[in-house]
Amino acid sequence: MPVYNNKFAAPNYIEETIVDVNTGEIIGKVRIKPSGILWKPKSQQKYYAVTLGQFDDWITKPATGARRISG
């Protein structure tokens, strides 16, 4: 294998646009970083952000109604 002088930079985050399947309208964007999770509703300029610890504390509480699934 040849020695390369360049490499691909790893992304700093993963971002996905959430779209309503019925209307095709954008609902918002979710961005996942090693340090936290960010949410930006449609038509907003800034993200709402929580640390991964805050997200973990919230999502695992029974009051959220979240349930464990496979996959």
PDB file of N, CA and C in Angstrom:
ATOM      1  N   MET A   1       0.853  -1.166   0.000  1.00  0.00           N
ATOM      2  CA  MET A   1       0.000   0.000   0.000  1.00  0.00           C
ATOM      3  C   MET A   1       0.907   1.240   0.000  1.00  0.00           C
ATOM      4  N   PRO A   2       0.590   2.229  -0.795  1.00  0.00           N
ATOM      5  CA  PRO A   2       1.433   3.427  -0.852  1.00  0.00           C
ATOM      6  C   PRO A   2       1.305   4.284   0.403  1.00  0.00           C
ATOM      7  N   VAL A   3       2.317   5.055   0.666  1.00  0.00           N
ATOM      8  CA  VAL A   3       2.295   6.010   1.775  1.00  0.00           C
ATOM      9  C   VAL A   3       1.624   7.278   1.270  1.00  0.00           C
ATOM     10  N   TYR A   4       0.631   7.773   2.017  1.00  0.00           N
ATOM     11  CA  TYR A   4      -0.116   8.963   1.604  1.00  0.00           C
ATOM     12  C   TYR A   4       0.409  10.206   2.308  1.00  0.00           C
ATOM     13  N   ASN A   5       0.391  11.311   1.599  1.00  0.00           N
ATOM     14  CA  ASN A   5       0.793  12.595   2.163  1.00  0.00           C
ATOM     15  C   ASN A   5      -0.373  13.346   2.779  1.00  0.00           C
ATOM     16  N   ASN A   6      -1.586  12.943   2.439  1.00  0.00           N
ATOM     17  CA  ASN A   6      -2.797  13.630   2.906  1.00  0.00           C
ATOM     18  C   ASN A   6      -3.754  12.617   3.506  1.00  0.00           C
ATOM     19  N   LYS A   7      -4.719  13.112   4.247  1.00  0.00           N
ATOM     20  CA  LYS A   7      -5.744  12.240   4.811  1.00  0.00           C
ATOM     21  C   LYS A   7      -7.049  13.009   4.899  1.00  0.00           C
ATOM     22  N   PHE A   8      -8.150  12.291   5.088  1.00  0.00           N
ATOM     23  CA  PHE A   8      -9.447  12.914   5.303  1.00  0.00           C
ATOM     24  C   PHE A   8      -9.545  13.347   6.756  1.00  0.00           C
ATOM     25  N   ALA A   9     -10.044  14.528   6.985  1.00  0.00           N
ATOM     26  CA  ALA A   9     -10.291  14.985   8.353  1.00  0.00           C
ATOM     27  C   ALA A   9     -11.597  14.355   8.836  1.00  0.00           C
ATOM     28  N   ALA A  10     -11.590  13.877  10.045  1.00  0.00           N
ATOM     29  CA  ALA A  10     -12.810  13.309  10.621  1.00  0.00           C
ATOM     30  C   ALA A  10     -13.797  14.432  10.889  1.00  0.00           C
ATOM     31  N   PRO A  11     -15.091  14.190  10.686  1.00  0.00           N
ATOM     32  CA  PRO A  11     -16.062  15.246  10.973  1.00  0.00           C
ATOM     33  C   PRO A  11     -16.112  15.564  12.468  1.00  0.00           C
ATOM     34  N   ASN A  12     -16.372  16.819  12.796  1.00  0.00           N
ATOM     35  CA  ASN A  12     -16.481  17.239  14.193  1.00  0.00           C
ATOM     36  C   ASN A  12     -17.857  16.952  14.765  1.00  0.00           C
ATOM     37  N   TYR A  13     -18.828  16.704  13.884  1.00  0.00           N
ATOM     38  CA  TYR A  13     -20.181  16.409  14.312  1.00  0.00           C
ATOM     39  C   TYR A  13     -20.925  15.694  13.193  1.00  0.00           C
ATOM     40  N   ILE A  14     -22.062  15.116  13.548  1.00  0.00           N
ATOM     41  CA  ILE A  14     -22.969  14.520  12.582  1.00  0.00           C
ATOM     42  C   ILE A  14     -24.247  15.341  12.639  1.00  0.00           C
ATOM     43  N   GLU A  15     -24.741  15.773  11.489  1.00  0.00           N
ATOM     44  CA  GLU A  15     -25.953  16.588  11.448  1.00  0.00           C
ATOM     45  C   GLU A  15     -26.958  15.948  10.509  1.00  0.00           C
ATOM     46  N   GLU A  16     -28.200  15.904  10.950  1.00  0.00           N
ATOM     47  CA  GLU A  16     -29.285  15.366  10.145  1.00  0.00           C
ATOM     48  C   GLU A  16     -30.446  16.349  10.124  1.00  0.00           C
ATOM     49  N   THR A  17     -31.060  16.486   8.974  1.00  0.00           N
ATOM     50  CA  THR A  17     -32.254  17.313   8.823  1.00  0.00           C
ATOM     51  C   THR A  17     -33.465  16.407   8.982  1.00  0.00           C
ATOM     52  N   ILE A  18     -34.387  16.794   9.852  1.00  0.00           N
ATOM     53  CA  ILE A  18     -35.601  16.013  10.099  1.00  0.00           C
ATOM     54  C   ILE A  18     -36.717  16.598   9.238  1.00  0.00           C
ATOM     55  N   VAL A  19     -37.351  15.728   8.431  1.00  0.00           N
ATOM     56  CA  VAL A  19     -38.377  16.154   7.486  1.00  0.00           C
ATOM     57  C   VAL A  19     -39.674  15.412   7.781  1.00  0.00           C
ATOM     58  N   ASP A  20     -40.794  16.116   7.740  1.00  0.00           N
ATOM     59  CA  ASP A  20     -42.118  15.512   7.908  1.00  0.00           C
ATOM     60  C   ASP A  20     -42.402  14.637   6.684  1.00  0.00           C
ATOM     61  N   VAL A  21     -42.694  13.354   6.891  1.00  0.00           N
ATOM     62  CA  VAL A  21     -42.899  12.445   5.761  1.00  0.00           C
ATOM     63  C   VAL A  21     -44.166  12.750   4.980  1.00  0.00           C
ATOM     64  N   ASN A  22     -45.141  13.372   5.616  1.00  0.00           N
ATOM     65  CA  ASN A  22     -46.403  13.668   4.930  1.00  0.00           C
ATOM     66  C   ASN A  22     -46.334  14.930   4.087  1.00  0.00           C
ATOM     67  N   THR A  23     -45.681  15.953   4.610  1.00  0.00           N
ATOM     68  CA  THR A  23     -45.663  17.241   3.910  1.00  0.00           C
ATOM     69  C   THR A  23     -44.341  17.553   3.241  1.00  0.00           C
ATOM     70  N   GLY A  24     -43.281  16.864   3.649  1.00  0.00           N
ATOM     71  CA  GLY A  24     -41.961  17.151   3.105  1.00  0.00           C
ATOM     72  C   GLY A  24     -41.319  18.384   3.706  1.00  0.00           C
ATOM     73  N   GLU A  25     -41.987  19.005   4.679  1.00  0.00           N
ATOM     74  CA  GLU A  25     -41.455  20.212   5.311  1.00  0.00           C
ATOM     75  C   GLU A  25     -40.377  19.857   6.325  1.00  0.00           C
ATOM     76  N   ILE A  26     -39.396  20.726   6.415  1.00  0.00           N
ATOM     77  CA  ILE A  26     -38.334  20.546   7.406  1.00  0.00           C
ATOM     78  C   ILE A  26     -38.881  20.856   8.792  1.00  0.00           C
ATOM     79  N   ILE A  27     -38.636  19.945   9.729  1.00  0.00           N
ATOM     80  CA  ILE A  27     -39.039  20.139  11.126  1.00  0.00           C
ATOM     81  C   ILE A  27     -37.911  20.808  11.889  1.00  0.00           C
ATOM     82  N   GLY A  28     -36.691  20.385  11.606  1.00  0.00           N
ATOM     83  CA  GLY A  28     -35.541  20.957  12.281  1.00  0.00           C
ATOM     84  C   GLY A  28     -34.294  20.150  11.982  1.00  0.00           C
ATOM     85  N   LYS A  29     -33.235  20.462  12.703  1.00  0.00           N
ATOM     86  CA  LYS A  29     -31.967  19.760  12.535  1.00  0.00           C
ATOM     87  C   LYS A  29     -31.463  19.295  13.885  1.00  0.00           C
ATOM     88  N   VAL A  30     -30.894  18.105  13.899  1.00  0.00           N
ATOM     89  CA  VAL A  30     -30.251  17.583  15.094  1.00  0.00           C
ATOM     90  C   VAL A  30     -28.765  17.431  14.769  1.00  0.00           C
ATOM     91  N   ARG A  31     -27.933  17.852  15.693  1.00  0.00           N
ATOM     92  CA  ARG A  31     -26.481  17.760  15.519  1.00  0.00           C
ATOM     93  C   ARG A  31     -25.926  17.019  16.725  1.00  0.00           C
ATOM     94  N   ILE A  32     -25.144  15.992  16.458  1.00  0.00           N
ATOM     95  CA  ILE A  32     -24.552  15.186  17.518  1.00  0.00           C
ATOM     96  C   ILE A  32     -23.053  15.423  17.507  1.00  0.00           C
ATOM     97  N   LYS A  33     -22.544  15.832  18.659  1.00  0.00           N
ATOM     98  CA  LYS A  33     -21.119  16.074  18.838  1.00  0.00           C
ATOM     99  C   LYS A  33     -20.611  15.160  19.948  1.00  0.00           C
ATOM    100  N   PRO A  34     -19.316  14.978  20.042  1.00  0.00           N
ATOM    101  CA  PRO A  34     -18.797  14.183  21.159  1.00  0.00           C
ATOM    102  C   PRO A  34     -19.121  14.790  22.519  1.00  0.00           C
ATOM    103  N   SER A  35     -19.377  16.084  22.556  1.00  0.00           N
ATOM    104  CA  SER A  35     -19.637  16.760  23.824  1.00  0.00           C
ATOM    105  C   SER A  35     -21.111  16.978  24.129  1.00  0.00           C
ATOM    106  N   GLY A  36     -21.989  16.826  23.142  1.00  0.00           N
ATOM    107  CA  GLY A  36     -23.392  17.089  23.404  1.00  0.00           C
ATOM    108  C   GLY A  36     -24.286  16.903  22.203  1.00  0.00           C
ATOM    109  N   ILE A  37     -25.557  17.215  22.414  1.00  0.00           N
ATOM    110  CA  ILE A  37     -26.583  17.105  21.382  1.00  0.00           C
ATOM    111  C   ILE A  37     -27.226  18.467  21.213  1.00  0.00           C
ATOM    112  N   LEU A  38     -27.392  18.878  19.957  1.00  0.00           N
ATOM    113  CA  LEU A  38     -27.963  20.189  19.652  1.00  0.00           C
ATOM    114  C   LEU A  38     -29.213  20.015  18.796  1.00  0.00           C
ATOM    115  N   TRP A  39     -30.188  20.884  19.009  1.00  0.00           N
ATOM    116  CA  TRP A  39     -31.442  20.869  18.250  1.00  0.00           C
ATOM    117  C   TRP A  39     -31.737  22.272  17.761  1.00  0.00           C
ATOM    118  N   LYS A  40     -32.086  22.392  16.480  1.00  0.00           N
ATOM    119  CA  LYS A  40     -32.465  23.682  15.912  1.00  0.00           C
ATOM    120  C   LYS A  40     -33.791  23.505  15.195  1.00  0.00           C
ATOM    121  N   PRO A  41     -34.877  24.073  15.744  1.00  0.00           N
ATOM    122  CA  PRO A  41     -36.160  24.002  15.054  1.00  0.00           C
ATOM    123  C   PRO A  41     -36.110  24.780  13.741  1.00  0.00           C
ATOM    124  N   LYS A  42     -37.002  24.427  12.857  1.00  0.00           N
ATOM    125  CA  LYS A  42     -37.109  25.119  11.576  1.00  0.00           C
ATOM    126  C   LYS A  42     -37.265  26.626  11.803  1.00  0.00           C
ATOM    127  N   SER A  43     -36.670  27.404  10.953  1.00  0.00           N
ATOM    128  CA  SER A  43     -36.739  28.873  10.962  1.00  0.00           C
ATOM    129  C   SER A  43     -36.002  29.518  12.133  1.00  0.00           C
ATOM    130  N   GLN A  44     -35.214  28.763  12.856  1.00  0.00           N
ATOM    131  CA  GLN A  44     -34.424  29.315  13.956  1.00  0.00           C
ATOM    132  C   GLN A  44     -32.977  29.448  13.511  1.00  0.00           C
ATOM    133  N   GLN A  45     -32.281  30.410  14.077  1.00  0.00           N
ATOM    134  CA  GLN A  45     -30.891  30.643  13.718  1.00  0.00           C
ATOM    135  C   GLN A  45     -29.912  29.960  14.671  1.00  0.00           C
ATOM    136  N   LYS A  46     -30.326  29.730  15.901  1.00  0.00           N
ATOM    137  CA  LYS A  46     -29.439  29.155  16.905  1.00  0.00           C
ATOM    138  C   LYS A  46     -29.961  27.810  17.392  1.00  0.00           C
ATOM    139  N   TYR A  47     -29.014  27.007  17.875  1.00  0.00           N
ATOM    140  CA  TYR A  47     -29.326  25.682  18.394  1.00  0.00           C
ATOM    141  C   TYR A  47     -29.625  25.725  19.893  1.00  0.00           C
ATOM    142  N   TYR A  48     -30.442  24.790  20.337  1.00  0.00           N
ATOM    143  CA  TYR A  48     -30.580  24.467  21.750  1.00  0.00           C
ATOM    144  C   TYR A  48     -29.571  23.352  22.005  1.00  0.00           C
ATOM    145  N   ALA A  49     -28.847  23.395  23.114  1.00  0.00           N
ATOM    146  CA  ALA A  49     -27.810  22.406  23.350  1.00  0.00           C
ATOM    147  C   ALA A  49     -27.857  21.866  24.772  1.00  0.00           C
ATOM    148  N   VAL A  50     -27.536  20.577  24.902  1.00  0.00           N
ATOM    149  CA  VAL A  50     -27.360  19.932  26.198  1.00  0.00           C
ATOM    150  C   VAL A  50     -26.108  19.062  26.108  1.00  0.00           C
ATOM    151  N   THR A  51     -25.472  18.857  27.248  1.00  0.00           N
ATOM    152  CA  THR A  51     -24.332  17.949  27.277  1.00  0.00           C
ATOM    153  C   THR A  51     -24.845  16.516  27.178  1.00  0.00           C
ATOM    154  N   LEU A  52     -23.950  15.599  26.882  1.00  0.00           N
ATOM    155  CA  LEU A  52     -24.357  14.193  26.837  1.00  0.00           C
ATOM    156  C   LEU A  52     -24.823  13.710  28.204  1.00  0.00           C
ATOM    157  N   GLY A  53     -24.208  14.218  29.265  1.00  0.00           N
ATOM    158  CA  GLY A  53     -24.639  13.857  30.616  1.00  0.00           C
ATOM    159  C   GLY A  53     -26.057  14.327  30.901  1.00  0.00           C
ATOM    160  N   GLN A  54     -26.373  15.552  30.504  1.00  0.00           N
ATOM    161  CA  GLN A  54     -27.731  16.078  30.698  1.00  0.00           C
ATOM    162  C   GLN A  54     -28.736  15.270  29.885  1.00  0.00           C
ATOM    163  N   PHE A  55     -28.372  14.930  28.656  1.00  0.00           N
ATOM    164  CA  PHE A  55     -29.262  14.138  27.811  1.00  0.00           C
ATOM    165  C   PHE A  55     -29.494  12.762  28.418  1.00  0.00           C
ATOM    166  N   ASP A  56     -28.421  12.124  28.888  1.00  0.00           N
ATOM    167  CA  ASP A  56     -28.535  10.804  29.508  1.00  0.00           C
ATOM    168  C   ASP A  56     -29.431  10.852  30.741  1.00  0.00           C
ATOM    169  N   ASP A  57     -29.231  11.848  31.598  1.00  0.00           N
ATOM    170  CA  ASP A  57     -30.071  11.993  32.793  1.00  0.00           C
ATOM    171  C   ASP A  57     -31.535  12.153  32.415  1.00  0.00           C
ATOM    172  N   TRP A  58     -31.814  12.934  31.380  1.00  0.00           N
ATOM    173  CA  TRP A  58     -33.196  13.200  30.964  1.00  0.00           C
ATOM    174  C   TRP A  58     -33.834  11.987  30.299  1.00  0.00           C
ATOM    175  N   ILE A  59     -33.162  11.408  29.322  1.00  0.00           N
ATOM    176  CA  ILE A  59     -33.781  10.356  28.509  1.00  0.00           C
ATOM    177  C   ILE A  59     -34.015   9.068  29.287  1.00  0.00           C
ATOM    178  N   THR A  60     -33.250   8.809  30.330  1.00  0.00           N
ATOM    179  CA  THR A  60     -33.399   7.563  31.087  1.00  0.00           C
ATOM    180  C   THR A  60     -34.401   7.668  32.231  1.00  0.00           C
ATOM    181  N   LYS A  61     -34.964   8.845  32.453  1.00  0.00           N
ATOM    182  CA  LYS A  61     -35.985   8.990  33.499  1.00  0.00           C
ATOM    183  C   LYS A  61     -37.330   8.451  33.004  1.00  0.00           C
ATOM    184  N   PRO A  62     -38.048   7.726  33.844  1.00  0.00           N
ATOM    185  CA  PRO A  62     -39.351   7.180  33.451  1.00  0.00           C
ATOM    186  C   PRO A  62     -40.343   8.261  32.994  1.00  0.00           C
ATOM    187  N   ALA A  63     -40.231   9.462  33.533  1.00  0.00           N
ATOM    188  CA  ALA A  63     -41.178  10.529  33.200  1.00  0.00           C
ATOM    189  C   ALA A  63     -41.127  10.936  31.727  1.00  0.00           C
ATOM    190  N   THR A  64     -40.018  10.672  31.044  1.00  0.00           N
ATOM    191  CA  THR A  64     -39.926  11.053  29.634  1.00  0.00           C
ATOM    192  C   THR A  64     -40.762  10.146  28.744  1.00  0.00           C
ATOM    193  N   GLY A  65     -41.055   8.930  29.203  1.00  0.00           N
ATOM    194  CA  GLY A  65     -41.810   7.990  28.403  1.00  0.00           C
ATOM    195  C   GLY A  65     -40.946   7.263  27.374  1.00  0.00           C
ATOM    196  N   ALA A  66     -39.630   7.497  27.398  1.00  0.00           N
ATOM    197  CA  ALA A  66     -38.736   6.803  26.478  1.00  0.00           C
ATOM    198  C   ALA A  66     -38.642   5.338  26.881  1.00  0.00           C
ATOM    199  N   ARG A  67     -38.515   4.485  25.895  1.00  0.00           N
ATOM    200  CA  ARG A  67     -38.384   3.062  26.189  1.00  0.00           C
ATOM    201  C   ARG A  67     -37.189   2.495  25.443  1.00  0.00           C
ATOM    202  N   ARG A  68     -36.673   1.410  25.936  1.00  0.00           N
ATOM    203  CA  ARG A  68     -35.525   0.761  25.313  1.00  0.00           C
ATOM    204  C   ARG A  68     -35.988  -0.061  24.120  1.00  0.00           C
ATOM    205  N   ILE A  69     -35.228   0.031  23.037  1.00  0.00           N
ATOM    206  CA  ILE A  69     -35.530  -0.748  21.850  1.00  0.00           C
ATOM    207  C   ILE A  69     -34.247  -1.390  21.355  1.00  0.00           C
ATOM    208  N   SER A  70     -34.377  -2.405  20.523  1.00  0.00           N
ATOM    209  CA  SER A  70     -33.171  -3.003  19.935  1.00  0.00           C
ATOM    210  C   SER A  70     -32.811  -2.245  18.666  1.00  0.00           C
ATOM    211  N   GLY A  71     -31.532  -2.148  18.422  1.00  0.00           N
ATOM    212  CA  GLY A  71     -31.059  -1.621  17.170  1.00  0.00           C
ATOM    213  C   GLY A  71     -30.848  -0.193  17.102  1.00  0.00           C
TER     214      GLY A  71
END
